[in-house]
N, C-alpha and C. Protein backbone atom coordinates (compact mmCIF):
# COMPACT_ATOMS: atom_id res chain seq x y z
N MET A 1 -0.04 4.57 -8.56
CA MET A 1 0.17 3.49 -7.61
C MET A 1 1.61 3.01 -7.79
N ASP A 2 2.36 2.95 -6.72
CA ASP A 2 3.74 2.51 -6.84
C ASP A 2 3.83 0.98 -6.79
N ALA A 3 5.00 0.49 -7.05
CA ALA A 3 5.22 -0.96 -7.15
C ALA A 3 4.84 -1.68 -5.86
N LEU A 4 5.16 -1.11 -4.73
CA LEU A 4 4.85 -1.75 -3.45
C LEU A 4 3.35 -1.90 -3.26
N GLN A 5 2.59 -0.87 -3.62
CA GLN A 5 1.14 -0.95 -3.50
C GLN A 5 0.57 -1.99 -4.45
N VAL A 6 1.09 -2.06 -5.68
CA VAL A 6 0.62 -3.04 -6.66
C VAL A 6 0.87 -4.44 -6.15
N ILE A 7 2.09 -4.69 -5.67
CA ILE A 7 2.43 -6.02 -5.17
C ILE A 7 1.60 -6.35 -3.95
N SER A 8 1.40 -5.40 -3.06
CA SER A 8 0.60 -5.63 -1.87
C SER A 8 -0.83 -5.98 -2.23
N SER A 9 -1.39 -5.24 -3.17
CA SER A 9 -2.76 -5.52 -3.61
C SER A 9 -2.85 -6.89 -4.28
N ALA A 10 -1.89 -7.17 -5.12
CA ALA A 10 -1.88 -8.47 -5.81
C ALA A 10 -1.73 -9.61 -4.80
N THR A 11 -0.92 -9.41 -3.77
CA THR A 11 -0.74 -10.43 -2.74
C THR A 11 -2.05 -10.69 -2.01
N GLN A 12 -2.78 -9.64 -1.71
CA GLN A 12 -4.08 -9.81 -1.05
C GLN A 12 -5.05 -10.56 -1.95
N ILE A 13 -5.04 -10.25 -3.23
CA ILE A 13 -5.93 -10.92 -4.18
C ILE A 13 -5.58 -12.40 -4.27
N VAL A 14 -4.29 -12.70 -4.39
CA VAL A 14 -3.86 -14.09 -4.51
C VAL A 14 -4.20 -14.85 -3.24
N SER A 15 -4.01 -14.22 -2.10
CA SER A 15 -4.36 -14.87 -0.84
C SER A 15 -5.84 -15.24 -0.83
N SER A 16 -6.66 -14.34 -1.31
CA SER A 16 -8.09 -14.63 -1.40
C SER A 16 -8.37 -15.77 -2.38
N MET A 17 -7.60 -15.78 -3.48
CA MET A 17 -7.79 -16.85 -4.46
C MET A 17 -7.40 -18.21 -3.88
N VAL A 18 -6.34 -18.24 -3.09
CA VAL A 18 -5.94 -19.50 -2.46
C VAL A 18 -7.07 -20.02 -1.58
N MET A 19 -7.69 -19.11 -0.84
CA MET A 19 -8.81 -19.52 0.02
C MET A 19 -10.04 -19.89 -0.81
N ALA A 20 -10.12 -19.38 -2.03
CA ALA A 20 -11.28 -19.65 -2.88
C ALA A 20 -11.18 -20.97 -3.63
N ILE A 21 -10.10 -21.70 -3.46
CA ILE A 21 -9.96 -22.97 -4.16
C ILE A 21 -11.10 -23.92 -3.79
N GLY A 22 -11.58 -23.81 -2.57
CA GLY A 22 -12.74 -24.61 -2.17
C GLY A 22 -13.94 -24.34 -3.07
N ALA A 23 -14.08 -23.11 -3.49
CA ALA A 23 -15.17 -22.77 -4.40
C ALA A 23 -14.98 -23.45 -5.75
N ILE A 24 -13.73 -23.56 -6.18
CA ILE A 24 -13.47 -24.24 -7.45
C ILE A 24 -13.75 -25.74 -7.31
N ASP A 25 -13.39 -26.30 -6.16
CA ASP A 25 -13.74 -27.70 -5.91
C ASP A 25 -15.24 -27.90 -6.00
N GLN A 26 -15.98 -26.96 -5.42
CA GLN A 26 -17.44 -27.01 -5.49
C GLN A 26 -17.91 -26.87 -6.94
N ALA A 27 -17.27 -25.98 -7.67
CA ALA A 27 -17.64 -25.75 -9.06
C ALA A 27 -17.34 -26.96 -9.93
N SER A 28 -16.38 -27.79 -9.50
CA SER A 28 -16.08 -28.97 -10.30
C SER A 28 -17.27 -29.92 -10.36
N ARG A 29 -18.16 -29.78 -9.37
CA ARG A 29 -19.39 -30.59 -9.39
C ARG A 29 -20.39 -30.04 -10.39
N ASP A 30 -20.26 -28.79 -10.69
CA ASP A 30 -21.12 -28.16 -11.68
C ASP A 30 -20.36 -28.15 -13.00
N LEU A 31 -20.56 -29.17 -13.79
CA LEU A 31 -19.73 -29.37 -14.98
C LEU A 31 -19.86 -28.27 -16.01
N ASP A 32 -20.89 -27.48 -15.93
CA ASP A 32 -21.03 -26.40 -16.90
C ASP A 32 -20.11 -25.23 -16.58
N ASP A 33 -19.92 -24.94 -15.31
CA ASP A 33 -19.14 -23.78 -14.91
C ASP A 33 -17.67 -24.10 -14.63
N ALA A 34 -17.35 -25.31 -14.28
CA ALA A 34 -15.99 -25.64 -13.84
C ALA A 34 -14.92 -25.31 -14.87
N PRO A 35 -15.06 -25.70 -16.14
CA PRO A 35 -13.98 -25.39 -17.10
C PRO A 35 -13.74 -23.89 -17.23
N MET A 36 -14.82 -23.12 -17.25
CA MET A 36 -14.67 -21.67 -17.39
C MET A 36 -13.97 -21.08 -16.15
N ARG A 37 -14.34 -21.54 -14.98
CA ARG A 37 -13.73 -21.02 -13.75
C ARG A 37 -12.27 -21.41 -13.65
N ILE A 38 -11.95 -22.62 -14.03
CA ILE A 38 -10.55 -23.06 -13.98
C ILE A 38 -9.72 -22.25 -14.97
N LYS A 39 -10.23 -22.08 -16.18
CA LYS A 39 -9.50 -21.27 -17.17
C LYS A 39 -9.34 -19.83 -16.69
N SER A 40 -10.36 -19.32 -16.06
CA SER A 40 -10.29 -17.96 -15.54
C SER A 40 -9.21 -17.86 -14.46
N LEU A 41 -9.15 -18.83 -13.58
CA LEU A 41 -8.12 -18.84 -12.54
C LEU A 41 -6.74 -18.98 -13.16
N GLU A 42 -6.60 -19.85 -14.16
CA GLU A 42 -5.30 -20.00 -14.82
C GLU A 42 -4.87 -18.68 -15.47
N HIS A 43 -5.80 -18.01 -16.10
CA HIS A 43 -5.48 -16.72 -16.73
C HIS A 43 -5.07 -15.70 -15.67
N PHE A 44 -5.78 -15.70 -14.56
CA PHE A 44 -5.47 -14.79 -13.47
C PHE A 44 -4.05 -15.04 -12.94
N VAL A 45 -3.71 -16.30 -12.73
CA VAL A 45 -2.37 -16.65 -12.24
C VAL A 45 -1.31 -16.23 -13.25
N TYR A 46 -1.57 -16.48 -14.53
CA TYR A 46 -0.63 -16.08 -15.57
C TYR A 46 -0.42 -14.56 -15.55
N GLU A 47 -1.51 -13.81 -15.42
CA GLU A 47 -1.40 -12.35 -15.38
C GLU A 47 -0.61 -11.88 -14.15
N LEU A 48 -0.81 -12.53 -13.01
CA LEU A 48 -0.06 -12.17 -11.81
C LEU A 48 1.43 -12.46 -11.98
N GLU A 49 1.74 -13.59 -12.59
CA GLU A 49 3.15 -13.91 -12.84
C GLU A 49 3.77 -12.88 -13.77
N SER A 50 3.04 -12.49 -14.80
CA SER A 50 3.53 -11.46 -15.74
C SER A 50 3.71 -10.13 -15.02
N LEU A 51 2.75 -9.77 -14.18
CA LEU A 51 2.84 -8.53 -13.43
C LEU A 51 4.08 -8.52 -12.54
N THR A 52 4.33 -9.61 -11.86
CA THR A 52 5.49 -9.70 -10.98
C THR A 52 6.78 -9.52 -11.78
N ARG A 53 6.86 -10.20 -12.93
CA ARG A 53 8.07 -10.06 -13.76
C ARG A 53 8.25 -8.62 -14.24
N ARG A 54 7.15 -8.00 -14.67
CA ARG A 54 7.25 -6.61 -15.16
C ARG A 54 7.68 -5.67 -14.04
N ILE A 55 7.12 -5.86 -12.86
CA ILE A 55 7.48 -4.98 -11.73
C ILE A 55 8.94 -5.17 -11.37
N LYS A 56 9.41 -6.42 -11.36
CA LYS A 56 10.82 -6.66 -11.04
C LYS A 56 11.73 -6.00 -12.08
N GLN A 57 11.33 -6.09 -13.36
CA GLN A 57 12.15 -5.48 -14.41
C GLN A 57 12.11 -3.95 -14.34
N LYS A 58 10.91 -3.42 -14.12
CA LYS A 58 10.75 -1.97 -14.13
C LYS A 58 11.36 -1.32 -12.88
N HIS A 59 11.29 -2.02 -11.76
CA HIS A 59 11.73 -1.44 -10.50
C HIS A 59 12.93 -2.18 -9.92
N VAL A 60 13.78 -2.69 -10.80
CA VAL A 60 14.93 -3.46 -10.34
C VAL A 60 15.81 -2.62 -9.41
N TYR A 61 15.87 -1.34 -9.65
CA TYR A 61 16.69 -0.46 -8.81
C TYR A 61 16.10 -0.32 -7.40
N LYS A 62 14.83 -0.66 -7.22
CA LYS A 62 14.19 -0.56 -5.90
C LYS A 62 14.24 -1.88 -5.13
N LEU A 63 14.76 -2.92 -5.76
CA LEU A 63 14.74 -4.23 -5.11
C LEU A 63 15.66 -4.29 -3.90
N HIS A 64 16.48 -3.28 -3.71
CA HIS A 64 17.26 -3.23 -2.47
C HIS A 64 16.34 -2.92 -1.30
N SER A 65 15.13 -2.46 -1.60
CA SER A 65 14.14 -2.22 -0.56
C SER A 65 13.64 -3.57 -0.06
N SER A 66 13.93 -3.87 1.19
CA SER A 66 13.56 -5.19 1.72
C SER A 66 12.05 -5.37 1.73
N GLN A 67 11.30 -4.29 1.90
CA GLN A 67 9.84 -4.41 1.93
C GLN A 67 9.30 -4.81 0.56
N LEU A 68 9.77 -4.17 -0.51
CA LEU A 68 9.33 -4.52 -1.85
C LEU A 68 9.74 -5.94 -2.20
N ASP A 69 10.98 -6.29 -1.89
CA ASP A 69 11.46 -7.64 -2.17
C ASP A 69 10.63 -8.68 -1.42
N HIS A 70 10.32 -8.40 -0.17
CA HIS A 70 9.50 -9.32 0.64
C HIS A 70 8.11 -9.47 0.04
N GLN A 71 7.51 -8.37 -0.40
CA GLN A 71 6.17 -8.43 -1.01
C GLN A 71 6.20 -9.27 -2.28
N ILE A 72 7.22 -9.09 -3.10
CA ILE A 72 7.34 -9.87 -4.34
C ILE A 72 7.51 -11.34 -4.02
N GLN A 73 8.35 -11.66 -3.04
CA GLN A 73 8.54 -13.06 -2.65
C GLN A 73 7.25 -13.66 -2.10
N SER A 74 6.50 -12.89 -1.32
CA SER A 74 5.23 -13.38 -0.78
C SER A 74 4.24 -13.66 -1.90
N LEU A 75 4.17 -12.75 -2.86
CA LEU A 75 3.27 -12.94 -4.00
C LEU A 75 3.66 -14.18 -4.79
N ASN A 76 4.96 -14.34 -5.05
CA ASN A 76 5.42 -15.52 -5.78
C ASN A 76 5.09 -16.81 -5.03
N ALA A 77 5.24 -16.79 -3.72
CA ALA A 77 4.94 -17.99 -2.92
C ALA A 77 3.45 -18.33 -3.01
N LEU A 78 2.60 -17.32 -2.94
CA LEU A 78 1.17 -17.57 -3.04
C LEU A 78 0.78 -18.08 -4.43
N VAL A 79 1.37 -17.50 -5.45
CA VAL A 79 1.09 -17.96 -6.81
C VAL A 79 1.56 -19.41 -6.97
N ASP A 80 2.72 -19.73 -6.40
CA ASP A 80 3.21 -21.11 -6.46
C ASP A 80 2.25 -22.08 -5.78
N ARG A 81 1.58 -21.62 -4.73
CA ARG A 81 0.60 -22.47 -4.05
C ARG A 81 -0.65 -22.69 -4.90
N LEU A 82 -0.92 -21.78 -5.81
CA LEU A 82 -2.10 -21.92 -6.65
C LEU A 82 -1.95 -23.02 -7.70
N HIS A 83 -0.75 -23.20 -8.23
CA HIS A 83 -0.54 -24.17 -9.30
C HIS A 83 -1.02 -25.58 -8.93
N PRO A 84 -0.62 -26.15 -7.78
CA PRO A 84 -1.12 -27.49 -7.45
C PRO A 84 -2.64 -27.50 -7.23
N ASN A 85 -3.17 -26.40 -6.73
CA ASN A 85 -4.61 -26.34 -6.52
C ASN A 85 -5.37 -26.31 -7.84
N ILE A 86 -4.81 -25.65 -8.82
CA ILE A 86 -5.44 -25.64 -10.14
C ILE A 86 -5.42 -27.05 -10.72
N MET A 87 -4.30 -27.73 -10.57
CA MET A 87 -4.21 -29.11 -11.07
C MET A 87 -5.22 -30.00 -10.35
N LYS A 88 -5.37 -29.81 -9.06
CA LYS A 88 -6.34 -30.57 -8.28
C LYS A 88 -7.75 -30.30 -8.79
N ALA A 89 -8.07 -29.05 -9.05
CA ALA A 89 -9.40 -28.70 -9.55
C ALA A 89 -9.64 -29.34 -10.91
N ARG A 90 -8.62 -29.35 -11.78
CA ARG A 90 -8.76 -30.01 -13.09
C ARG A 90 -9.02 -31.51 -12.91
N ARG A 91 -8.26 -32.14 -12.01
CA ARG A 91 -8.44 -33.57 -11.77
C ARG A 91 -9.85 -33.86 -11.24
N LEU A 92 -10.30 -33.05 -10.29
CA LEU A 92 -11.64 -33.24 -9.75
C LEU A 92 -12.69 -33.05 -10.83
N PHE A 93 -12.47 -32.10 -11.71
CA PHE A 93 -13.40 -31.88 -12.82
C PHE A 93 -13.46 -33.11 -13.72
N ARG A 94 -12.28 -33.64 -14.09
CA ARG A 94 -12.25 -34.83 -14.95
C ARG A 94 -12.95 -36.01 -14.28
N GLU A 95 -12.70 -36.19 -12.98
CA GLU A 95 -13.33 -37.29 -12.25
C GLU A 95 -14.84 -37.11 -12.19
N ALA A 96 -15.29 -35.91 -11.92
CA ALA A 96 -16.73 -35.64 -11.85
C ALA A 96 -17.37 -35.84 -13.22
N LYS A 97 -16.68 -35.41 -14.25
CA LYS A 97 -17.21 -35.58 -15.61
C LYS A 97 -17.30 -37.06 -15.96
N SER A 98 -16.28 -37.84 -15.57
CA SER A 98 -16.31 -39.29 -15.82
C SER A 98 -17.46 -39.95 -15.09
N ARG A 99 -17.65 -39.57 -13.82
CA ARG A 99 -18.77 -40.13 -13.05
C ARG A 99 -20.10 -39.79 -13.68
N THR A 100 -20.23 -38.57 -14.15
CA THR A 100 -21.48 -38.15 -14.79
C THR A 100 -21.73 -38.94 -16.06
N LEU A 101 -20.68 -39.14 -16.84
CA LEU A 101 -20.82 -39.93 -18.08
C LEU A 101 -21.20 -41.38 -17.76
N LEU A 102 -20.58 -41.95 -16.73
CA LEU A 102 -20.89 -43.31 -16.34
C LEU A 102 -22.34 -43.43 -15.88
N ARG A 103 -22.79 -42.45 -15.08
CA ARG A 103 -24.18 -42.46 -14.61
C ARG A 103 -25.16 -42.35 -15.77
N SER A 104 -24.85 -41.48 -16.71
CA SER A 104 -25.78 -41.27 -17.83
C SER A 104 -25.83 -42.48 -18.75
N SER A 105 -24.74 -43.24 -18.77
CA SER A 105 -24.75 -44.44 -19.61
C SER A 105 -25.30 -45.65 -18.86
N GLY A 106 -25.54 -45.48 -17.56
CA GLY A 106 -26.15 -46.53 -16.77
C GLY A 106 -25.19 -47.60 -16.27
N THR A 107 -23.89 -47.33 -16.33
CA THR A 107 -22.92 -48.35 -15.89
C THR A 107 -22.48 -48.15 -14.45
N LEU A 108 -22.92 -47.11 -13.81
CA LEU A 108 -22.51 -46.87 -12.42
C LEU A 108 -23.65 -47.14 -11.47
């Protein structure tokens, strides 16, 4: 698989992950699964960022290819969109956990 195919595939995956943030919001209501899913998404984003860096380093001579450069930029833009969504999911998780604790203590 060449660099362009890897970046294209990764871009499709990240695009799907951006759309799946709603699922993480839903998972934040399920306090048992939310931390694991958020950590999994963070790990996935970290791996994508590492992959992008490695591809740029390994295929720096191909970066004159506008198609490869465009794919890398698209992937980076999608990954950048994930970061605020991950923070939002963490915040929603903390809020849901606080509400659950308040309910269980009878103060809400």
